[in-house]
């Protein structure tokens, strides 16, 4: 069984995020302080559990951490290998800069096809930078696979996936035959931590780095040239204004109502 897990190198949420102007005239996130997206640890854990239940790597199963981005983005794959992924693949090409969701899904679909037959594509519920949750659905459409999104549990029996999707007041149980694309939530499992053995083993595993030419994608199809959207303007968030203090002189209730009415909260 071959499982491709999408992982992404995203700005560390512990630091303030900044946008920088690109050469194409738009804006992009500054990624100097970046890490593996924590939401991508959940699909990785799900993939490892599915593979281990079927004999793991020794039985011919493949868990491939897949990413695209600049040279630094290989850090996401290396962290995935330390956690337990069996293989790593990175798509890196200068033409990818400025890719939006549409261009990203196009490139990732071509990258996944280049891996050979893939039984399952697993993703997180969103990336912690863009937070659009759109890539899994677009990827499924481009690959011609059924999709199960926001799965909080996942089982595989006889080539059929069963996933539960939890709503606010209900739960759905969905099924799809392999191959399929599945996005999972942060409720599906408890991701494992890299241990010393895993960290040392990851050093011996090679990461394949591919270009757009290697996967048959033209530069004009991705990046700013292939994007359907662009960030045209960006500005820092304004500082919070001081709050309003109401002193009770017997009319505090009236003043509070007046204030709420001015803010159109009544």
Protein backbone atom coordinates (compact mmCIF):
# COMPACT_ATOMS: atom_id res chain seq x y z
CA UNK A 1 0.00 0.00 0.00
CA UNK A 2 1.32 3.43 -0.96
CA UNK A 3 0.22 6.47 1.05
CA UNK A 4 1.25 10.01 0.14
CA UNK A 5 1.03 12.49 3.02
CA UNK A 6 1.08 16.17 2.17
CA UNK A 7 3.22 18.22 4.56
CA UNK A 8 3.95 21.93 4.55
CA UNK A 9 6.65 24.23 5.88
CA UNK A 10 4.79 27.09 7.58
CA UNK A 11 5.70 30.11 9.73
CA UNK A 12 6.00 29.20 13.40
CA UNK A 13 2.87 30.41 15.20
CA UNK A 14 5.00 31.45 18.18
CA UNK A 15 6.34 34.38 16.18
CA UNK A 16 4.56 37.34 14.60
CA UNK A 17 3.78 36.82 10.94
CA UNK A 18 4.89 39.28 8.30
CA UNK A 19 4.06 39.75 4.63
CA UNK A 20 6.74 40.70 2.15
CA UNK A 21 6.35 42.14 -1.32
CA UNK A 22 7.24 39.74 -4.12
CA UNK A 23 8.96 40.40 -7.43
CA UNK A 24 5.63 39.78 -9.16
CA UNK A 25 3.99 42.71 -7.40
CA UNK A 26 1.95 40.77 -4.83
CA UNK A 27 2.62 39.78 -1.23
CA UNK A 28 3.68 36.53 0.41
CA UNK A 29 4.35 35.31 3.94
CA UNK A 30 7.85 35.69 5.28
CA UNK A 31 8.97 32.14 6.10
CA UNK A 32 12.28 32.73 7.90
CA UNK A 33 11.04 31.08 11.11
CA UNK A 34 9.19 28.03 9.80
CA UNK A 35 8.35 24.51 10.94
CA UNK A 36 6.31 21.49 9.88
CA UNK A 37 2.64 22.47 10.13
CA UNK A 38 1.33 20.86 13.31
CA UNK A 39 -1.92 19.93 11.54
CA UNK A 40 0.12 17.78 9.14
CA UNK A 41 1.26 15.54 11.98
CA UNK A 42 -2.24 14.05 12.22
CA UNK A 43 -2.44 12.68 8.65
CA UNK A 44 1.13 11.43 9.03
CA UNK A 45 0.17 9.51 12.17
CA UNK A 46 -2.93 8.14 10.42
CA UNK A 47 -0.78 6.97 7.51
CA UNK A 48 1.73 5.28 9.79
CA UNK A 49 -1.02 3.48 11.69
CA UNK A 50 -2.58 2.20 8.46
CA UNK A 51 0.80 1.04 7.15
CA UNK A 52 1.84 -0.59 10.44
CA UNK A 53 -1.44 -2.50 10.64
CA UNK A 54 -0.46 -4.04 7.30
CA UNK A 55 3.09 -5.00 8.20
CA UNK A 56 4.82 -1.64 7.83
CA UNK A 57 7.73 -0.92 5.51
CA UNK A 58 8.99 -4.51 5.71
CA UNK A 59 5.78 -5.69 4.04
CA UNK A 60 6.24 -3.30 1.11
CA UNK A 61 4.07 -0.45 2.38
CA UNK A 62 5.15 3.10 1.55
CA UNK A 63 4.44 6.25 3.55
CA UNK A 64 5.76 9.16 1.51
CA UNK A 65 5.97 12.69 2.92
CA UNK A 66 5.33 15.07 0.02
CA UNK A 67 5.89 18.83 -0.06
CA UNK A 68 6.49 21.71 -2.45
CA UNK A 69 8.25 25.00 -1.87
CA UNK A 70 11.63 26.65 -1.64
CA UNK A 71 14.83 24.86 -0.67
CA UNK A 72 14.06 25.49 3.01
CA UNK A 73 10.76 23.60 2.71
CA UNK A 74 12.71 20.35 2.79
CA UNK A 75 12.68 20.89 6.56
CA UNK A 76 9.04 19.74 6.64
CA UNK A 77 9.94 16.47 4.94
CA UNK A 78 12.92 15.87 7.21
CA UNK A 79 10.75 16.36 10.30
CA UNK A 80 8.19 13.94 8.84
CA UNK A 81 10.95 11.37 8.34
CA UNK A 82 12.02 11.81 11.97
CA UNK A 83 8.46 11.16 13.07
CA UNK A 84 8.32 7.97 11.02
CA UNK A 85 7.63 8.53 7.32
CA UNK A 86 9.40 5.96 5.12
CA UNK A 87 10.25 8.26 2.19
CA UNK A 88 10.35 11.94 1.30
CA UNK A 89 9.76 13.91 -1.90
CA UNK A 90 10.05 17.64 -2.44
CA UNK A 91 9.01 19.69 -5.45
CA UNK A 92 11.28 22.71 -5.64
CA UNK A 93 11.39 25.19 -8.50
CA UNK A 94 11.77 29.01 -8.63
CA UNK A 95 8.65 29.18 -10.81
CA UNK A 96 6.50 27.94 -7.91
CA UNK A 97 6.83 31.25 -6.06
CA UNK A 98 3.48 33.01 -5.84
CA UNK A 99 1.35 29.90 -6.36
CA UNK A 100 -2.19 30.17 -5.02
CA UNK A 101 -4.43 27.24 -4.09
CA UNK A 102 -5.26 26.42 -7.71
CA UNK A 103 -1.65 26.41 -8.88
CA UNK A 104 -0.60 24.50 -5.76
CA UNK A 105 -3.14 21.73 -6.32
CA UNK A 106 -2.10 21.47 -9.97
CA UNK A 107 1.56 21.06 -9.07
CA UNK A 108 0.86 18.61 -6.24
CA UNK A 109 -1.38 16.49 -8.46
CA UNK A 110 1.38 16.17 -11.03
CA UNK A 111 3.89 15.41 -8.27
CA UNK A 112 1.70 12.63 -6.86
CA UNK A 113 1.21 11.12 -10.32
CA UNK A 114 5.00 11.00 -10.69
CA UNK A 115 5.22 8.71 -7.66
CA UNK A 116 3.52 5.87 -9.51
CA UNK A 117 0.34 4.17 -8.28
CA UNK A 118 -0.80 5.82 -5.03
CA UNK A 119 -3.58 4.20 -3.00
CA UNK A 120 -4.27 7.02 -0.60
CA UNK A 121 -3.48 10.73 -0.31
CA UNK A 122 -3.76 12.10 3.23
CA UNK A 123 -3.75 15.77 4.22
CA UNK A 124 -4.43 17.86 7.28
CA UNK A 125 -7.68 19.76 7.74
CA UNK A 126 -5.92 22.99 6.69
CA UNK A 127 -2.50 24.56 6.54
CA UNK A 128 -1.75 26.81 9.47
CA UNK A 129 -0.68 29.66 7.21
CA UNK A 130 -3.33 29.94 4.48
CA UNK A 131 -6.09 28.05 6.35
CA UNK A 132 -8.22 27.72 3.20
CA UNK A 133 -8.88 23.94 3.43
CA UNK A 134 -9.30 24.00 -0.36
CA UNK A 135 -6.32 21.94 -1.54
CA UNK A 136 -7.72 18.45 -0.71
CA UNK A 137 -10.90 18.95 -2.76
CA UNK A 138 -9.06 20.47 -5.71
CA UNK A 139 -6.45 17.73 -5.54
CA UNK A 140 -9.12 15.02 -5.59
CA UNK A 141 -10.73 16.63 -8.64
CA UNK A 142 -7.43 16.87 -10.51
CA UNK A 143 -6.50 13.27 -9.66
CA UNK A 144 -9.98 11.95 -10.43
CA UNK A 145 -10.29 10.38 -6.96
CA UNK A 146 -13.15 10.41 -4.45
CA UNK A 147 -12.62 12.67 -1.46
CA UNK A 148 -13.44 12.35 2.23
CA UNK A 149 -12.83 15.60 4.07
CA UNK A 150 -12.52 16.57 7.75
CA UNK A 151 -12.39 12.95 8.92
CA UNK A 152 -12.23 12.53 12.69
CA UNK A 153 -11.82 8.76 12.38
CA UNK A 154 -10.63 6.54 9.54
CA UNK A 155 -10.77 2.80 8.92
CA UNK A 156 -9.73 0.74 5.92
CA UNK A 157 -11.20 -2.67 5.20
CA UNK A 158 -11.01 -4.58 1.91
CA UNK A 159 -10.06 -1.48 -0.06
CA UNK A 160 -12.93 0.64 1.30
CA UNK A 161 -12.33 3.66 3.54
CA UNK A 162 -14.84 4.50 6.25
CA UNK A 163 -14.58 7.97 7.75
CA UNK A 164 -16.59 9.83 10.37
CA UNK A 165 -17.13 13.56 9.97
CA UNK A 166 -18.31 15.34 13.12
CA UNK A 167 -20.58 18.37 12.85
CA UNK A 168 -21.82 20.66 15.62
CA UNK A 169 -24.93 18.59 16.24
CA UNK A 170 -24.47 15.48 14.13
CA UNK A 171 -21.95 12.98 12.77
CA UNK A 172 -21.74 11.54 9.26
CA UNK A 173 -20.23 8.20 8.30
CA UNK A 174 -18.88 8.23 4.76
CA UNK A 175 -17.29 5.56 2.58
CA UNK A 176 -15.06 5.66 -0.48
CA UNK A 177 -13.15 3.06 -2.45
CA UNK A 178 -9.41 3.39 -2.97
CA UNK A 179 -7.64 5.30 -4.37
CA UNK A 180 -8.92 8.36 -2.54
CA UNK A 181 -7.97 11.73 -1.07
CA UNK A 182 -8.71 12.22 2.63
CA UNK A 183 -8.24 15.23 4.90
CA UNK A 184 -8.25 14.55 8.64
CA UNK A 185 -8.91 16.75 11.65
CA UNK A 186 -6.85 17.15 14.80
CA UNK A 187 -9.29 14.82 16.59
CA UNK A 188 -8.36 11.69 14.66
CA UNK A 189 -5.36 10.60 16.74
CA UNK A 190 -2.50 11.64 18.97
CA UNK A 191 0.62 12.13 16.81
CA UNK A 192 3.80 10.45 17.97
CA UNK A 193 6.93 12.40 18.84
CA UNK A 194 10.26 11.85 17.11
CA UNK A 195 12.44 9.62 19.29
CA UNK A 196 16.19 9.18 19.14
CA UNK A 197 15.91 6.06 16.99
CA UNK A 198 13.66 7.84 14.52
CA UNK A 199 15.89 10.90 14.34
CA UNK A 200 18.96 8.77 13.62
CA UNK A 201 17.10 6.63 11.07
CA UNK A 202 15.88 9.76 9.25
CA UNK A 203 19.49 10.78 8.57
CA UNK A 204 19.93 7.69 6.41
CA UNK A 205 16.83 8.32 4.33
CA UNK A 206 17.19 10.35 1.17
CA UNK A 207 14.71 12.99 0.04
CA UNK A 208 14.05 13.10 -3.69
CA UNK A 209 14.01 16.68 -4.96
CA UNK A 210 12.14 17.19 -8.23
CA UNK A 211 11.67 20.18 -10.51
CA UNK A 212 8.65 21.16 -12.59
CA UNK A 213 10.33 19.65 -15.65
CA UNK A 214 10.61 16.32 -13.81
CA UNK A 215 6.83 16.14 -13.33
CA UNK A 216 5.80 17.59 -16.68
CA UNK A 217 4.46 20.97 -15.52
CA UNK A 218 5.16 24.18 -17.41
CA UNK A 219 6.34 27.20 -15.36
CA UNK A 220 3.47 29.30 -16.74
CA UNK A 221 0.96 26.92 -15.11
CA UNK A 222 2.10 27.69 -11.56
CA UNK A 223 3.48 30.56 -9.52
CA UNK A 224 2.16 34.06 -10.05
CA UNK A 225 1.69 33.32 -13.76
CA UNK A 226 -0.71 30.44 -13.09
CA UNK A 227 -2.42 31.85 -10.01
CA UNK A 228 -6.09 32.78 -10.14
CA UNK A 229 -5.76 35.08 -7.12
CA UNK A 230 -3.17 37.52 -5.83
CA UNK A 231 -2.74 39.54 -2.62
CA UNK A 232 -2.90 43.05 -4.06
CA UNK A 233 -2.44 45.02 -0.85
CA UNK A 234 -1.32 44.32 2.70
CA UNK A 235 -0.85 46.46 5.79
CA UNK A 236 -0.03 45.78 9.45
CA UNK A 237 -2.95 45.21 11.77
CA UNK A 238 -3.73 48.48 13.60
CA UNK A 239 -3.01 48.54 17.34
CA UNK A 240 -5.91 47.98 19.67
CA UNK A 241 -7.57 51.17 20.86
CA UNK A 242 -8.07 51.87 24.53
CA UNK A 243 -11.25 50.56 26.04
CA UNK A 244 -14.10 52.71 27.32
CA UNK A 245 -14.46 52.97 31.10
CA UNK A 246 -17.94 53.70 32.42
CA UNK A 247 -18.03 55.23 35.89
CA UNK A 248 -21.21 54.45 37.77
CA UNK A 249 -22.83 57.69 38.91
CA UNK A 250 -26.27 56.22 39.02
CA UNK A 251 -26.61 56.12 35.24
CA UNK A 252 -24.06 53.42 34.31
CA UNK A 253 -26.76 51.20 32.86
CA UNK A 254 -27.96 53.93 30.52
CA UNK A 255 -24.39 54.73 29.45
CA UNK A 256 -23.71 51.05 28.76
CA UNK A 257 -26.83 50.74 26.62
CA UNK A 258 -25.91 53.91 24.71
CA UNK A 259 -22.39 52.58 24.09
CA UNK A 260 -23.65 49.22 22.82
CA UNK A 261 -26.12 50.99 20.57
CA UNK A 262 -23.34 53.17 19.11
CA UNK A 263 -21.37 50.02 18.33
CA UNK A 264 -24.49 48.53 16.72
CA UNK A 265 -24.43 45.64 19.17
CA UNK A 266 -28.07 46.10 20.12
